[in-house]
C-alpha atoms as a PDB file:
ATOM      1  CA  MET A   1      -4.307 -21.545   5.598  1.00  0.00           C
ATOM      2  CA  ILE A   2      -4.243 -20.991   1.860  1.00  0.00           C
ATOM      3  CA  TYR A   3      -2.267 -18.032   0.516  1.00  0.00           C
ATOM      4  CA  ARG A   4      -5.454 -16.640  -1.011  1.00  0.00           C
ATOM      5  CA  ASP A   5      -7.195 -16.528   2.374  1.00  0.00           C
ATOM      6  CA  VAL A   6      -4.201 -14.985   4.075  1.00  0.00           C
ATOM      7  CA  LEU A   7      -3.987 -12.342   1.391  1.00  0.00           C
ATOM      8  CA  LYS A   8      -7.714 -11.621   1.470  1.00  0.00           C
ATOM      9  CA  TYR A   9      -7.955 -11.166   5.228  1.00  0.00           C
ATOM     10  CA  GLY A  10      -4.522  -9.585   5.504  1.00  0.00           C
ATOM     11  CA  LEU A  11      -5.269  -6.930   2.891  1.00  0.00           C
ATOM     12  CA  HIS A  12      -8.641  -6.248   4.498  1.00  0.00           C
ATOM     13  CA  ASP A  13      -7.012  -5.703   7.903  1.00  0.00           C
ATOM     14  CA  PHE A  14      -4.173  -3.750   6.293  1.00  0.00           C
ATOM     15  CA  SER A  15      -6.538  -1.329   4.551  1.00  0.00           C
ATOM     16  CA  GLY A  16      -8.579  -1.074   7.754  1.00  0.00           C
ATOM     17  CA  MET A  17      -5.469   0.036   9.646  1.00  0.00           C
ATOM     18  CA  LYS A  18      -4.787   2.693   7.018  1.00  0.00           C
ATOM     19  CA  ASP A  19      -8.366   3.970   7.193  1.00  0.00           C
ATOM     20  CA  LEU A  20      -8.186   4.096  10.989  1.00  0.00           C
ATOM     21  CA  TYR A  21      -4.891   5.989  10.809  1.00  0.00           C
ATOM     22  CA  ILE A  22      -6.379   8.528   8.383  1.00  0.00           C
ATOM     23  CA  LEU A  23      -9.386   8.998  10.675  1.00  0.00           C
ATOM     24  CA  ASN A  24      -7.165   9.491  13.722  1.00  0.00           C
ATOM     25  CA  CYS A  25      -5.103  12.167  11.988  1.00  0.00           C
ATOM     26  CA  ASP A  26      -8.068  14.526  12.470  1.00  0.00           C
ATOM     27  CA  GLN A  27      -7.095  17.914  11.073  1.00  0.00           C
ATOM     28  CA  GLY A  28      -3.394  17.135  10.748  1.00  0.00           C
ATOM     29  CA  LYS A  29      -2.017  15.607   7.595  1.00  0.00           C
ATOM     30  CA  PRO A  30      -0.877  11.974   7.612  1.00  0.00           C
ATOM     31  CA  ARG A  31       2.857  11.367   7.451  1.00  0.00           C
ATOM     32  CA  VAL A  32       4.013  11.013   3.861  1.00  0.00           C
ATOM     33  CA  ASP A  33       6.578   8.326   4.690  1.00  0.00           C
ATOM     34  CA  LEU A  34       3.865   6.110   6.177  1.00  0.00           C
ATOM     35  CA  ILE A  35       1.655   6.535   3.123  1.00  0.00           C
ATOM     36  CA  GLU A  36       4.615   5.678   0.870  1.00  0.00           C
ATOM     37  CA  ARG A  37       5.305   2.580   2.957  1.00  0.00           C
ATOM     38  CA  TYR A  38       1.636   1.561   2.785  1.00  0.00           C
ATOM     39  CA  ILE A  39       1.561   1.834  -1.016  1.00  0.00           C
ATOM     40  CA  TYR A  40       4.823  -0.098  -1.335  1.00  0.00           C
ATOM     41  CA  LEU A  41       3.676  -2.924   0.944  1.00  0.00           C
ATOM     42  CA  GLN A  42       0.321  -3.155  -0.774  1.00  0.00           C
ATOM     43  CA  LEU A  43       2.081  -3.581  -4.131  1.00  0.00           C
ATOM     44  CA  VAL A  44       4.374  -6.234  -2.649  1.00  0.00           C
ATOM     45  CA  PHE A  45       1.426  -8.178  -1.201  1.00  0.00           C
ATOM     46  CA  LEU A  46      -0.435  -8.144  -4.507  1.00  0.00           C
ATOM     47  CA  TYR A  47       2.568  -8.936  -6.720  1.00  0.00           C
ATOM     48  CA  PRO A  48       2.195 -12.760  -6.682  1.00  0.00           C
ATOM     49  CA  ILE A  49      -1.415 -12.456  -7.866  1.00  0.00           C
ATOM     50  CA  CYS A  50      -1.203  -9.702 -10.468  1.00  0.00           C
ATOM     51  CA  PRO A  51       2.439  -8.900 -11.249  1.00  0.00           C
ATOM     52  CA  HIS A  52       1.759  -6.748 -14.310  1.00  0.00           C
ATOM     53  CA  PHE A  53      -0.639  -4.482 -12.406  1.00  0.00           C
ATOM     54  CA  CYS A  54       1.851  -4.110  -9.550  1.00  0.00           C
ATOM     55  CA  GLU A  55       4.706  -3.365 -11.934  1.00  0.00           C
ATOM     56  CA  VAL A  56       2.717  -0.643 -13.679  1.00  0.00           C
ATOM     57  CA  GLY A  57       1.561   0.742 -10.330  1.00  0.00           C
ATOM     58  CA  TYR A  58       5.121   0.784  -9.033  1.00  0.00           C
ATOM     59  CA  LEU A  59       6.692   2.395 -12.091  1.00  0.00           C
ATOM     60  CA  ASP A  60       3.936   4.880 -12.945  1.00  0.00           C
ATOM     61  CA  TYR A  61       2.584   5.889  -9.538  1.00  0.00           C
ATOM     62  CA  PHE A  62       4.864   4.864  -6.676  1.00  0.00           C
ATOM     63  CA  LEU A  63       8.290   5.620  -8.112  1.00  0.00           C
ATOM     64  CA  PRO A  64       7.532   9.275  -9.000  1.00  0.00           C
ATOM     65  CA  PHE A  65       5.895   9.656  -5.556  1.00  0.00           C
ATOM     66  CA  THR A  66       9.137   8.819  -3.736  1.00  0.00           C
ATOM     67  CA  ASN A  67      11.875  11.351  -3.171  1.00  0.00           C
ATOM     68  CA  ASP A  68      14.612   9.114  -4.604  1.00  0.00           C
ATOM     69  CA  TYR A  69      13.280   9.232  -8.152  1.00  0.00           C
ATOM     70  CA  LYS A  70      14.526  12.135 -10.255  1.00  0.00           C
END
């Protein structure tokens, strides 16, 4: 299978899992560590296609979101 197809179907399933998790949280809040992991993995999956976008997303949005960044 071509990388493009794997990425297309993989990201679709990956975002579907996140949506299902959010729906199953009901009234409770989703775990922050899982949301952080989701954002990180999504940036890693997209990096070979659009590295500049992923770099900006990582530095501007993900890094301040984590607890390690001060």
